[in-house]
PDB file of N, CA and C in Angstrom:
ATOM      1  N   MET A   1      -7.450   6.460 106.829  1.00  0.00           N
ATOM      2  CA  MET A   1      -6.554   7.580 107.074  1.00  0.00           C
ATOM      3  C   MET A   1      -5.400   7.519 106.080  1.00  0.00           C
ATOM      4  N   VAL A   2      -5.175   8.606 105.378  1.00  0.00           N
ATOM      5  CA  VAL A   2      -4.097   8.678 104.397  1.00  0.00           C
ATOM      6  C   VAL A   2      -2.879   9.310 105.051  1.00  0.00           C
ATOM      7  N   VAL A   3      -1.753   8.619 104.978  1.00  0.00           N
ATOM      8  CA  VAL A   3      -0.515   9.119 105.560  1.00  0.00           C
ATOM      9  C   VAL A   3       0.397   9.547 104.423  1.00  0.00           C
ATOM     10  N   LYS A   4       0.858  10.782 104.455  1.00  0.00           N
ATOM     11  CA  LYS A   4       1.759  11.293 103.430  1.00  0.00           C
ATOM     12  C   LYS A   4       3.181  11.240 103.963  1.00  0.00           C
ATOM     13  N   TYR A   5       4.031  10.500 103.242  1.00  0.00           N
ATOM     14  CA  TYR A   5       5.401  10.323 103.705  1.00  0.00           C
ATOM     15  C   TYR A   5       6.372  11.328 103.118  1.00  0.00           C
ATOM     16  N   TRP A   6       6.143  11.778 101.895  1.00  0.00           N
ATOM     17  CA  TRP A   6       7.116  12.613 101.207  1.00  0.00           C
ATOM     18  C   TRP A   6       6.837  14.084 101.456  1.00  0.00           C
ATOM     19  N   PRO A   7       7.800  14.833 101.946  1.00  0.00           N
ATOM     20  CA  PRO A   7       7.593  16.275 102.129  1.00  0.00           C
ATOM     21  C   PRO A   7       7.555  16.977 100.780  1.00  0.00           C
ATOM     22  N   ALA A   8       6.498  17.692 100.532  1.00  0.00           N
ATOM     23  CA  ALA A   8       6.336  18.489  99.306  1.00  0.00           C
ATOM     24  C   ALA A   8       6.577  17.655  98.052  1.00  0.00           C
ATOM     25  N   ALA A   9       5.939  16.497  97.972  1.00  0.00           N
ATOM     26  CA  ALA A   9       6.165  15.604  96.839  1.00  0.00           C
ATOM     27  C   ALA A   9       5.375  16.010  95.602  1.00  0.00           C
ATOM     28  N   ALA A  10       4.482  16.976  95.721  1.00  0.00           N
ATOM     29  CA  ALA A  10       3.722  17.418  94.550  1.00  0.00           C
ATOM     30  C   ALA A  10       4.650  18.164  93.600  1.00  0.00           C
ATOM     31  N   GLN A  11       4.444  17.947  92.321  1.00  0.00           N
ATOM     32  CA  GLN A  11       5.297  18.601  91.340  1.00  0.00           C
ATOM     33  C   GLN A  11       5.002  20.092  91.291  1.00  0.00           C
ATOM     34  N   ARG A  12       6.069  20.847  91.110  1.00  0.00           N
ATOM     35  CA  ARG A  12       5.943  22.293  91.013  1.00  0.00           C
ATOM     36  C   ARG A  12       6.291  22.729  89.606  1.00  0.00           C
ATOM     37  N   GLU A  13       5.935  23.954  89.269  1.00  0.00           N
ATOM     38  CA  GLU A  13       6.197  24.477  87.934  1.00  0.00           C
ATOM     39  C   GLU A  13       7.688  24.594  87.666  1.00  0.00           C
ATOM     40  N   GLU A  14       8.428  25.099  88.620  1.00  0.00           N
ATOM     41  CA  GLU A  14       9.871  25.296  88.419  1.00  0.00           C
ATOM     42  C   GLU A  14      10.641  24.222  89.151  1.00  0.00           C
ATOM     43  N   ASN A  15      11.853  24.054  88.760  1.00  0.00           N
ATOM     44  CA  ASN A  15      12.714  23.053  89.365  1.00  0.00           C
ATOM     45  C   ASN A  15      13.355  23.647  90.616  1.00  0.00           C
ATOM     46  N   ALA A  16      13.280  22.926  91.730  1.00  0.00           N
ATOM     47  CA  ALA A  16      13.848  23.411  92.983  1.00  0.00           C
ATOM     48  C   ALA A  16      15.347  23.145  93.073  1.00  0.00           C
ATOM     49  N   SER A  17      15.868  22.358  92.144  1.00  0.00           N
ATOM     50  CA  SER A  17      17.284  22.031  92.168  1.00  0.00           C
ATOM     51  C   SER A  17      18.121  23.261  91.873  1.00  0.00           C
ATOM     52  N   PRO A  18      19.225  23.482  92.612  1.00  0.00           N
ATOM     53  CA  PRO A  18      20.072  24.642  92.348  1.00  0.00           C
ATOM     54  C   PRO A  18      20.914  24.484  91.087  1.00  0.00           C
ATOM     55  N   PHE A  19      20.918  23.297  90.479  1.00  0.00           N
ATOM     56  CA  PHE A  19      21.722  23.022  89.299  1.00  0.00           C
ATOM     57  C   PHE A  19      20.830  22.881  88.074  1.00  0.00           C
ATOM     58  N   LEU A  20      21.410  23.131  86.917  1.00  0.00           N
ATOM     59  CA  LEU A  20      20.721  22.892  85.675  1.00  0.00           C
ATOM     60  C   LEU A  20      20.677  21.384  85.442  1.00  0.00           C
ATOM     61  N   VAL A  21      19.478  20.819  85.350  1.00  0.00           N
ATOM     62  CA  VAL A  21      19.318  19.378  85.191  1.00  0.00           C
ATOM     63  C   VAL A  21      18.828  19.100  83.784  1.00  0.00           C
ATOM     64  N   LYS A  22      19.555  18.226  83.079  1.00  0.00           N
ATOM     65  CA  LYS A  22      19.187  17.841  81.728  1.00  0.00           C
ATOM     66  C   LYS A  22      18.753  16.381  81.747  1.00  0.00           C
ATOM     67  N   GLN A  23      17.704  16.080  81.011  1.00  0.00           N
ATOM     68  CA  GLN A  23      17.246  14.706  80.927  1.00  0.00           C
ATOM     69  C   GLN A  23      18.140  13.929  79.965  1.00  0.00           C
ATOM     70  N   ILE A  24      18.473  12.711  80.304  1.00  0.00           N
ATOM     71  CA  ILE A  24      19.302  11.872  79.445  1.00  0.00           C
ATOM     72  C   ILE A  24      18.485  11.458  78.234  1.00  0.00           C
ATOM     73  N   SER A  25      19.055  11.648  77.053  1.00  0.00           N
ATOM     74  CA  SER A  25      18.342  11.285  75.832  1.00  0.00           C
ATOM     75  C   SER A  25      18.334   9.773  75.645  1.00  0.00           C
ATOM     76  N   ARG A  26      17.390   9.290  74.865  1.00  0.00           N
ATOM     77  CA  ARG A  26      17.282   7.847  74.640  1.00  0.00           C
ATOM     78  C   ARG A  26      18.499   7.296  73.911  1.00  0.00           C
ATOM     79  N   THR A  27      19.110   8.111  73.079  1.00  0.00           N
ATOM     80  CA  THR A  27      20.274   7.628  72.326  1.00  0.00           C
ATOM     81  C   THR A  27      21.508   7.463  73.205  1.00  0.00           C
ATOM     82  N   SER A  28      21.616   8.224  74.277  1.00  0.00           N
ATOM     83  CA  SER A  28      22.800   8.114  75.136  1.00  0.00           C
ATOM     84  C   SER A  28      22.613   7.121  76.286  1.00  0.00           C
ATOM     85  N   VAL A  29      21.430   6.527  76.409  1.00  0.00           N
ATOM     86  CA  VAL A  29      21.204   5.546  77.473  1.00  0.00           C
ATOM     87  C   VAL A  29      22.126   4.342  77.290  1.00  0.00           C
ATOM     88  N   GLU A  30      22.300   3.898  76.067  1.00  0.00           N
ATOM     89  CA  GLU A  30      23.172   2.757  75.797  1.00  0.00           C
ATOM     90  C   GLU A  30      24.617   3.053  76.197  1.00  0.00           C
ATOM     91  N   ASP A  31      25.046   4.297  76.006  1.00  0.00           N
ATOM     92  CA  ASP A  31      26.387   4.704  76.401  1.00  0.00           C
ATOM     93  C   ASP A  31      26.556   4.606  77.921  1.00  0.00           C
ATOM     94  N   TYR A  32      25.535   5.014  78.668  1.00  0.00           N
ATOM     95  CA  TYR A  32      25.576   4.895  80.131  1.00  0.00           C
ATOM     96  C   TYR A  32      25.653   3.433  80.549  1.00  0.00           C
ATOM     97  N   LEU A  33      24.862   2.591  79.891  1.00  0.00           N
ATOM     98  CA  LEU A  33      24.830   1.177  80.261  1.00  0.00           C
ATOM     99  C   LEU A  33      26.148   0.482  79.948  1.00  0.00           C
ATOM    100  N   LYS A  34      26.842   0.908  78.899  1.00  0.00           N
ATOM    101  CA  LYS A  34      28.104   0.271  78.528  1.00  0.00           C
ATOM    102  C   LYS A  34      29.305   0.856  79.268  1.00  0.00           C
ATOM    103  N   ARG A  35      29.359   2.165  79.402  1.00  0.00           N
ATOM    104  CA  ARG A  35      30.565   2.828  79.915  1.00  0.00           C
ATOM    105  C   ARG A  35      30.450   3.399  81.323  1.00  0.00           C
ATOM    106  N   GLY A  36      29.258   3.417  81.880  1.00  0.00           N
ATOM    107  CA  GLY A  36      29.086   4.012  83.203  1.00  0.00           C
ATOM    108  C   GLY A  36      29.496   3.083  84.324  1.00  0.00           C
ATOM    109  N   GLN A  37      29.878   3.673  85.451  1.00  0.00           N
ATOM    110  CA  GLN A  37      30.173   2.878  86.643  1.00  0.00           C
ATOM    111  C   GLN A  37      28.844   2.416  87.231  1.00  0.00           C
ATOM    112  N   ARG A  38      28.779   1.175  87.677  1.00  0.00           N
ATOM    113  CA  ARG A  38      27.525   0.592  88.128  1.00  0.00           C
ATOM    114  C   ARG A  38      27.535   0.337  89.619  1.00  0.00           C
ATOM    115  N   TYR A  39      26.454   0.749  90.290  1.00  0.00           N
ATOM    116  CA  TYR A  39      26.249   0.505  91.713  1.00  0.00           C
ATOM    117  C   TYR A  39      24.839  -0.043  91.886  1.00  0.00           C
ATOM    118  N   THR A  40      24.669  -1.081  92.701  1.00  0.00           N
ATOM    119  CA  THR A  40      23.367  -1.705  92.896  1.00  0.00           C
ATOM    120  C   THR A  40      23.040  -1.811  94.369  1.00  0.00           C
ATOM    121  N   ILE A  41      21.784  -1.559  94.708  1.00  0.00           N
ATOM    122  CA  ILE A  41      21.290  -1.731  96.065  1.00  0.00           C
ATOM    123  C   ILE A  41      19.778  -1.952  96.001  1.00  0.00           C
ATOM    124  N   ARG A  42      19.282  -2.966  96.628  1.00  0.00           N
ATOM    125  CA  ARG A  42      17.861  -3.263  96.835  1.00  0.00           C
ATOM    126  C   ARG A  42      16.921  -2.895  95.690  1.00  0.00           C
ATOM    127  N   GLY A  43      17.139  -3.456  94.533  1.00  0.00           N
ATOM    128  CA  GLY A  43      16.208  -3.245  93.434  1.00  0.00           C
ATOM    129  C   GLY A  43      16.469  -2.030  92.569  1.00  0.00           C
ATOM    130  N   ILE A  44      17.558  -1.307  92.825  1.00  0.00           N
ATOM    131  CA  ILE A  44      17.909  -0.139  92.009  1.00  0.00           C
ATOM    132  C   ILE A  44      19.358  -0.301  91.560  1.00  0.00           C
ATOM    133  N   THR A  45      19.600  -0.075  90.286  1.00  0.00           N
ATOM    134  CA  THR A  45      20.969  -0.030  89.770  1.00  0.00           C
ATOM    135  C   THR A  45      21.221   1.386  89.290  1.00  0.00           C
ATOM    136  N   LEU A  46      22.341   1.953  89.678  1.00  0.00           N
ATOM    137  CA  LEU A  46      22.696   3.318  89.311  1.00  0.00           C
ATOM    138  C   LEU A  46      23.940   3.282  88.438  1.00  0.00           C
ATOM    139  N   TYR A  47      23.846   3.923  87.276  1.00  0.00           N
ATOM    140  CA  TYR A  47      24.985   4.072  86.371  1.00  0.00           C
ATOM    141  C   TYR A  47      25.419   5.531  86.413  1.00  0.00           C
ATOM    142  N   ILE A  48      26.715   5.770  86.621  1.00  0.00           N
ATOM    143  CA  ILE A  48      27.250   7.131  86.734  1.00  0.00           C
ATOM    144  C   ILE A  48      28.330   7.329  85.682  1.00  0.00           C
ATOM    145  N   LYS A  49      28.305   8.503  85.075  1.00  0.00           N
ATOM    146  CA  LYS A  49      29.292   8.847  84.060  1.00  0.00           C
ATOM    147  C   LYS A  49      29.590  10.340  84.184  1.00  0.00           C
ATOM    148  N   PRO A  50      30.849  10.778  84.074  1.00  0.00           N
ATOM    149  CA  PRO A  50      31.142  12.215  84.115  1.00  0.00           C
ATOM    150  C   PRO A  50      30.580  12.927  82.884  1.00  0.00           C
ATOM    151  N   THR A  51      29.962  14.081  83.098  1.00  0.00           N
ATOM    152  CA  THR A  51      29.398  14.890  82.015  1.00  0.00           C
ATOM    153  C   THR A  51      29.693  16.366  82.266  1.00  0.00           C
ATOM    154  N   ASP A  52      29.336  17.213  81.303  1.00  0.00           N
ATOM    155  CA  ASP A  52      29.546  18.655  81.450  1.00  0.00           C
ATOM    156  C   ASP A  52      28.574  19.260  82.456  1.00  0.00           C
ATOM    157  N   ILE A  53      27.319  18.864  82.382  1.00  0.00           N
ATOM    158  CA  ILE A  53      26.323  19.354  83.332  1.00  0.00           C
ATOM    159  C   ILE A  53      25.632  18.157  83.973  1.00  0.00           C
ATOM    160  N   LEU A  54      24.791  18.405  84.938  1.00  0.00           N
ATOM    161  CA  LEU A  54      24.066  17.353  85.626  1.00  0.00           C
ATOM    162  C   LEU A  54      23.021  16.758  84.685  1.00  0.00           C
ATOM    163  N   GLU A  55      23.135  15.446  84.426  1.00  0.00           N
ATOM    164  CA  GLU A  55      22.159  14.726  83.614  1.00  0.00           C
ATOM    165  C   GLU A  55      21.545  13.631  84.467  1.00  0.00           C
ATOM    166  N   VAL A  56      20.227  13.489  84.372  1.00  0.00           N
ATOM    167  CA  VAL A  56      19.531  12.479  85.161  1.00  0.00           C
ATOM    168  C   VAL A  56      18.524  11.767  84.274  1.00  0.00           C
ATOM    169  N   GLY A  57      18.453  10.464  84.411  1.00  0.00           N
ATOM    170  CA  GLY A  57      17.461   9.680  83.691  1.00  0.00           C
ATOM    171  C   GLY A  57      17.116   8.447  84.494  1.00  0.00           C
ATOM    172  N   PHE A  58      16.020   7.807  84.113  1.00  0.00           N
ATOM    173  CA  PHE A  58      15.650   6.582  84.800  1.00  0.00           C
ATOM    174  C   PHE A  58      14.896   5.658  83.857  1.00  0.00           C
ATOM    175  N   LEU A  59      15.057   4.380  84.114  1.00  0.00           N
ATOM    176  CA  LEU A  59      14.363   3.328  83.381  1.00  0.00           C
ATOM    177  C   LEU A  59      13.672   2.443  84.403  1.00  0.00           C
ATOM    178  N   ILE A  60      12.503   1.939  84.033  1.00  0.00           N
ATOM    179  CA  ILE A  60      11.779   1.036  84.914  1.00  0.00           C
ATOM    180  C   ILE A  60      11.491  -0.230  84.130  1.00  0.00           C
ATOM    181  N   ARG A  61      11.950  -1.355  84.625  1.00  0.00           N
ATOM    182  CA  ARG A  61      11.747  -2.634  83.949  1.00  0.00           C
ATOM    183  C   ARG A  61      10.291  -3.062  84.033  1.00  0.00           C
ATOM    184  N   ARG A  62       9.875  -3.822  83.060  1.00  0.00           N
ATOM    185  CA  ARG A  62       8.499  -4.332  83.055  1.00  0.00           C
ATOM    186  C   ARG A  62       8.236  -5.277  84.215  1.00  0.00           C
ATOM    187  N   LYS A  63       9.278  -5.894  84.716  1.00  0.00           N
ATOM    188  CA  LYS A  63       9.123  -6.802  85.854  1.00  0.00           C
ATOM    189  C   LYS A  63       8.889  -6.047  87.156  1.00  0.00           C
ATOM    190  N   ALA A  64       8.905  -4.722  87.092  1.00  0.00           N
ATOM    191  CA  ALA A  64       8.735  -3.896  88.287  1.00  0.00           C
ATOM    192  C   ALA A  64       7.256  -3.708  88.629  1.00  0.00           C
ATOM    193  N   GLY A  65       6.401  -4.561  88.148  1.00  0.00           N
ATOM    194  CA  GLY A  65       4.987  -4.465  88.477  1.00  0.00           C
ATOM    195  C   GLY A  65       4.160  -4.120  87.258  1.00  0.00           C
ATOM    196  N   ASN A  66       2.886  -3.937  87.499  1.00  0.00           N
ATOM    197  CA  ASN A  66       2.009  -3.581  86.386  1.00  0.00           C
ATOM    198  C   ASN A  66       2.164  -2.104  86.043  1.00  0.00           C
ATOM    199  N   ALA A  67       1.415  -1.636  85.051  1.00  0.00           N
ATOM    200  CA  ALA A  67       1.562  -0.265  84.561  1.00  0.00           C
ATOM    201  C   ALA A  67       1.270   0.766  85.649  1.00  0.00           C
ATOM    202  N   VAL A  68       0.306   0.488  86.507  1.00  0.00           N
ATOM    203  CA  VAL A  68      -0.045   1.431  87.571  1.00  0.00           C
ATOM    204  C   VAL A  68       1.125   1.594  88.541  1.00  0.00           C
ATOM    205  N   GLU A  69       1.736   0.493  88.934  1.00  0.00           N
ATOM    206  CA  GLU A  69       2.872   0.565  89.860  1.00  0.00           C
ATOM    207  C   GLU A  69       4.075   1.254  89.224  1.00  0.00           C
ATOM    208  N   ARG A  70       4.318   0.990  87.932  1.00  0.00           N
ATOM    209  CA  ARG A  70       5.424   1.656  87.247  1.00  0.00           C
ATOM    210  C   ARG A  70       5.178   3.157  87.140  1.00  0.00           C
ATOM    211  N   ASN A  71       3.950   3.556  86.869  1.00  0.00           N
ATOM    212  CA  ASN A  71       3.640   4.987  86.791  1.00  0.00           C
ATOM    213  C   ASN A  71       3.780   5.665  88.148  1.00  0.00           C
ATOM    214  N   LYS A  72       3.424   4.972  89.222  1.00  0.00           N
ATOM    215  CA  LYS A  72       3.610   5.534  90.565  1.00  0.00           C
ATOM    216  C   LYS A  72       5.095   5.746  90.857  1.00  0.00           C
ATOM    217  N   THR A  73       5.921   4.785  90.441  1.00  0.00           N
ATOM    218  CA  THR A  73       7.361   4.917  90.639  1.00  0.00           C
ATOM    219  C   THR A  73       7.903   6.090  89.828  1.00  0.00           C
ATOM    220  N   ARG A  74       7.428   6.263  88.592  1.00  0.00           N
ATOM    221  CA  ARG A  74       7.843   7.408  87.764  1.00  0.00           C
ATOM    222  C   ARG A  74       7.480   8.732  88.426  1.00  0.00           C
ATOM    223  N   ARG A  75       6.238   8.848  88.893  1.00  0.00           N
ATOM    224  CA  ARG A  75       5.805  10.098  89.545  1.00  0.00           C
ATOM    225  C   ARG A  75       6.604  10.364  90.808  1.00  0.00           C
ATOM    226  N   LEU A  76       6.867   9.313  91.579  1.00  0.00           N
ATOM    227  CA  LEU A  76       7.663   9.448  92.793  1.00  0.00           C
ATOM    228  C   LEU A  76       9.054   9.975  92.469  1.00  0.00           C
ATOM    229  N   PHE A  77       9.695   9.383  91.471  1.00  0.00           N
ATOM    230  CA  PHE A  77      11.055   9.789  91.125  1.00  0.00           C
ATOM    231  C   PHE A  77      11.086  11.213  90.572  1.00  0.00           C
ATOM    232  N   ARG A  78      10.149  11.566  89.726  1.00  0.00           N
ATOM    233  CA  ARG A  78      10.091  12.949  89.210  1.00  0.00           C
ATOM    234  C   ARG A  78       9.864  13.952  90.332  1.00  0.00           C
ATOM    235  N   GLY A  79       9.017  13.598  91.302  1.00  0.00           N
ATOM    236  CA  GLY A  79       8.803  14.470  92.451  1.00  0.00           C
ATOM    237  C   GLY A  79      10.066  14.660  93.269  1.00  0.00           C
ATOM    238  N   LEU A  80      10.835  13.582  93.433  1.00  0.00           N
ATOM    239  CA  LEU A  80      12.107  13.684  94.160  1.00  0.00           C
ATOM    240  C   LEU A  80      13.073  14.613  93.435  1.00  0.00           C
ATOM    241  N   LEU A  81      13.120  14.527  92.109  1.00  0.00           N
ATOM    242  CA  LEU A  81      14.019  15.388  91.334  1.00  0.00           C
ATOM    243  C   LEU A  81      13.577  16.841  91.372  1.00  0.00           C
ATOM    244  N   LEU A  82      12.285  17.076  91.158  1.00  0.00           N
ATOM    245  CA  LEU A  82      11.798  18.457  91.106  1.00  0.00           C
ATOM    246  C   LEU A  82      11.915  19.156  92.451  1.00  0.00           C
ATOM    247  N   ASN A  83      11.792  18.423  93.532  1.00  0.00           N
ATOM    248  CA  ASN A  83      11.867  19.026  94.858  1.00  0.00           C
ATOM    249  C   ASN A  83      13.262  18.940  95.465  1.00  0.00           C
ATOM    250  N   ALA A  84      14.235  18.502  94.671  1.00  0.00           N
ATOM    251  CA  ALA A  84      15.651  18.450  95.073  1.00  0.00           C
ATOM    252  C   ALA A  84      15.853  17.686  96.379  1.00  0.00           C
ATOM    253  N   LEU A  85      15.207  16.526  96.501  1.00  0.00           N
ATOM    254  CA  LEU A  85      15.364  15.710  97.693  1.00  0.00           C
ATOM    255  C   LEU A  85      16.489  14.686  97.554  1.00  0.00           C
ATOM    256  N   LEU A  86      17.093  14.606  96.366  1.00  0.00           N
ATOM    257  CA  LEU A  86      18.207  13.681  96.141  1.00  0.00           C
ATOM    258  C   LEU A  86      19.526  14.439  96.185  1.00  0.00           C
ATOM    259  N   ASN A  87      20.560  13.786  96.669  1.00  0.00           N
ATOM    260  CA  ASN A  87      21.882  14.402  96.784  1.00  0.00           C
ATOM    261  C   ASN A  87      22.681  14.173  95.499  1.00  0.00           C
ATOM    262  N   LEU A  88      22.383  14.947  94.465  1.00  0.00           N
ATOM    263  CA  LEU A  88      23.053  14.809  93.179  1.00  0.00           C
ATOM    264  C   LEU A  88      24.165  15.838  93.053  1.00  0.00           C
ATOM    265  N   SER A  89      25.279  15.431  92.452  1.00  0.00           N
ATOM    266  CA  SER A  89      26.423  16.329  92.264  1.00  0.00           C
ATOM    267  C   SER A  89      26.435  16.863  90.837  1.00  0.00           C
ATOM    268  N   PRO A  90      26.765  18.131  90.643  1.00  0.00           N
ATOM    269  CA  PRO A  90      26.866  18.648  89.275  1.00  0.00           C
ATOM    270  C   PRO A  90      28.074  18.044  88.559  1.00  0.00           C
ATOM    271  N   GLY A  91      28.007  17.994  87.253  1.00  0.00           N
ATOM    272  CA  GLY A  91      29.118  17.449  86.482  1.00  0.00           C
ATOM    273  C   GLY A  91      29.105  15.936  86.370  1.00  0.00           C
ATOM    274  N   ARG A  92      27.988  15.326  86.695  1.00  0.00           N
ATOM    275  CA  ARG A  92      27.847  13.877  86.595  1.00  0.00           C
ATOM    276  C   ARG A  92      26.533  13.549  85.911  1.00  0.00           C
ATOM    277  N   GLY A  93      26.506  12.396  85.288  1.00  0.00           N
ATOM    278  CA  GLY A  93      25.280  11.877  84.718  1.00  0.00           C
ATOM    279  C   GLY A  93      24.820  10.683  85.528  1.00  0.00           C
ATOM    280  N   TYR A  94      23.547  10.635  85.861  1.00  0.00           N
ATOM    281  CA  TYR A  94      22.977   9.570  86.673  1.00  0.00           C
ATOM    282  C   TYR A  94      21.868   8.882  85.881  1.00  0.00           C
ATOM    283  N   LEU A  95      21.970   7.580  85.739  1.00  0.00           N
ATOM    284  CA  LEU A  95      20.912   6.799  85.114  1.00  0.00           C
ATOM    285  C   LEU A  95      20.463   5.753  86.128  1.00  0.00           C
ATOM    286  N   PHE A  96      19.223   5.865  86.580  1.00  0.00           N
ATOM    287  CA  PHE A  96      18.657   4.939  87.556  1.00  0.00           C
ATOM    288  C   PHE A  96      17.868   3.868  86.820  1.00  0.00           C
ATOM    289  N   LEU A  97      18.105   2.614  87.166  1.00  0.00           N
ATOM    290  CA  LEU A  97      17.372   1.489  86.601  1.00  0.00           C
ATOM    291  C   LEU A  97      16.635   0.810  87.753  1.00  0.00           C
ATOM    292  N   PHE A  98      15.304   0.919  87.742  1.00  0.00           N
ATOM    293  CA  PHE A  98      14.478   0.343  88.799  1.00  0.00           C
ATOM    294  C   PHE A  98      14.088  -1.080  88.403  1.00  0.00           C
ATOM    295  N   HIS A  99      14.418  -2.048  89.269  1.00  0.00           N
ATOM    296  CA  HIS A  99      14.087  -3.440  89.017  1.00  0.00           C
ATOM    297  C   HIS A  99      12.760  -3.825  89.653  1.00  0.00           C
ATOM    298  N   ARG A 100      12.283  -3.021  90.585  1.00  0.00           N
ATOM    299  CA  ARG A 100      10.994  -3.277  91.213  1.00  0.00           C
ATOM    300  C   ARG A 100      10.336  -1.945  91.520  1.00  0.00           C
ATOM    301  N   SER A 101       9.037  -1.979  91.769  1.00  0.00           N
ATOM    302  CA  SER A 101       8.317  -0.730  92.025  1.00  0.00           C
ATOM    303  C   SER A 101       8.614  -0.239  93.441  1.00  0.00           C
ATOM    304  N   PHE A 102       8.589   1.072  93.607  1.00  0.00           N
ATOM    305  CA  PHE A 102       8.832   1.688  94.901  1.00  0.00           C
ATOM    306  C   PHE A 102       7.621   2.490  95.320  1.00  0.00           C
ATOM    307  N   ARG A 103       7.241   2.304  96.530  1.00  0.00           N
ATOM    308  CA  ARG A 103       6.128   3.069  97.086  1.00  0.00           C
ATOM    309  C   ARG A 103       6.711   4.298  97.778  1.00  0.00           C
ATOM    310  N   SER A 104       5.865   5.285  97.997  1.00  0.00           N
ATOM    311  CA  SER A 104       6.347   6.501  98.653  1.00  0.00           C
ATOM    312  C   SER A 104       6.449   6.266 100.160  1.00  0.00           C
ATOM    313  N   THR A 105       7.562   5.716 100.551  1.00  0.00           N
ATOM    314  CA  THR A 105       7.854   5.478 101.965  1.00  0.00           C
ATOM    315  C   THR A 105       9.217   6.084 102.281  1.00  0.00           C
ATOM    316  N   PRO A 106       9.458   6.420 103.522  1.00  0.00           N
ATOM    317  CA  PRO A 106      10.776   6.954 103.881  1.00  0.00           C
ATOM    318  C   PRO A 106      11.899   5.966 103.603  1.00  0.00           C
ATOM    319  N   ALA A 107      11.619   4.671 103.656  1.00  0.00           N
ATOM    320  CA  ALA A 107      12.654   3.673 103.393  1.00  0.00           C
ATOM    321  C   ALA A 107      13.136   3.747 101.946  1.00  0.00           C
ATOM    322  N   ALA A 108      12.230   4.021 101.002  1.00  0.00           N
ATOM    323  CA  ALA A 108      12.623   4.116  99.589  1.00  0.00           C
ATOM    324  C   ALA A 108      13.545   5.318  99.369  1.00  0.00           C
ATOM    325  N   LEU A 109      13.212   6.455  99.965  1.00  0.00           N
ATOM    326  CA  LEU A 109      14.072   7.641  99.850  1.00  0.00           C
ATOM    327  C   LEU A 109      15.428   7.368 100.483  1.00  0.00           C
ATOM    328  N   GLY A 110      15.436   6.686 101.622  1.00  0.00           N
ATOM    329  CA  GLY A 110      16.697   6.335 102.267  1.00  0.00           C
ATOM    330  C   GLY A 110      17.535   5.398 101.425  1.00  0.00           C
ATOM    331  N   THR A 111      16.885   4.449 100.750  1.00  0.00           N
ATOM    332  CA  THR A 111      17.602   3.516  99.877  1.00  0.00           C
ATOM    333  C   THR A 111      18.262   4.251  98.726  1.00  0.00           C
ATOM    334  N   ILE A 112      17.544   5.178  98.099  1.00  0.00           N
ATOM    335  CA  ILE A 112      18.101   5.930  96.970  1.00  0.00           C
ATOM    336  C   ILE A 112      19.252   6.822  97.433  1.00  0.00           C
ATOM    337  N   ASN A 113      19.099   7.477  98.579  1.00  0.00           N
ATOM    338  CA  ASN A 113      20.178   8.332  99.101  1.00  0.00           C
ATOM    339  C   ASN A 113      21.391   7.521  99.536  1.00  0.00           C
ATOM    340  N   ARG A 114      21.196   6.299 100.063  1.00  0.00           N
ATOM    341  CA  ARG A 114      22.336   5.424 100.402  1.00  0.00           C
ATOM    342  C   ARG A 114      23.079   5.017  99.148  1.00  0.00           C
ATOM    343  N   LEU A 115      22.336   4.753  98.088  1.00  0.00           N
ATOM    344  CA  LEU A 115      22.965   4.400  96.806  1.00  0.00           C
ATOM    345  C   LEU A 115      23.795   5.558  96.279  1.00  0.00           C
ATOM    346  N   LEU A 116      23.272   6.788  96.389  1.00  0.00           N
ATOM    347  CA  LEU A 116      24.024   7.969  95.953  1.00  0.00           C
ATOM    348  C   LEU A 116      25.243   8.203  96.824  1.00  0.00           C
ATOM    349  N   ALA A 117      25.134   7.946  98.124  1.00  0.00           N
ATOM    350  CA  ALA A 117      26.281   8.116  99.020  1.00  0.00           C
ATOM    351  C   ALA A 117      27.371   7.086  98.731  1.00  0.00           C
ATOM    352  N   ARG A 118      26.977   5.911  98.322  1.00  0.00           N
ATOM    353  CA  ARG A 118      27.935   4.849  98.024  1.00  0.00           C
ATOM    354  C   ARG A 118      28.821   5.229  96.843  1.00  0.00           C
ATOM    355  N   CYS A 119      28.288   5.959  95.882  1.00  0.00           N
ATOM    356  CA  CYS A 119      29.069   6.269  94.675  1.00  0.00           C
ATOM    357  C   CYS A 119      29.882   7.550  94.818  1.00  0.00           C
ATOM    358  N   GLU A 120      29.832   8.230  95.939  1.00  0.00           N
ATOM    359  CA  GLU A 120      30.601   9.468  96.141  1.00  0.00           C
ATOM    360  C   GLU A 120      32.070   9.197  96.251  1.00  0.00           C
TER     361      GLU A 120
END
């Protein structure tokens, strides 16, 4: 029996987020790591920096499992962004650094939302 935990986790053509979301470029990742405020909780580190529009990016460490597990974490995170299940504020840049792989469970979504609430 397959249990689906994420509501509407399939990717859609358009972005459900009410804000314009820009992907963080590879060249500005170093700026986030050096100058951003850092918050850590259960295998995720979040770097926040004020920006003109909402910017979101993520990195997954090689220690976060094999390639299959890292790809599952990438798909999970992209689904969360496209379906606007994360509480992101406009005018901020968010860089998520995953230290371990995350499965699609309600606990993982709760962990990410607690991390976002901590930085408010």
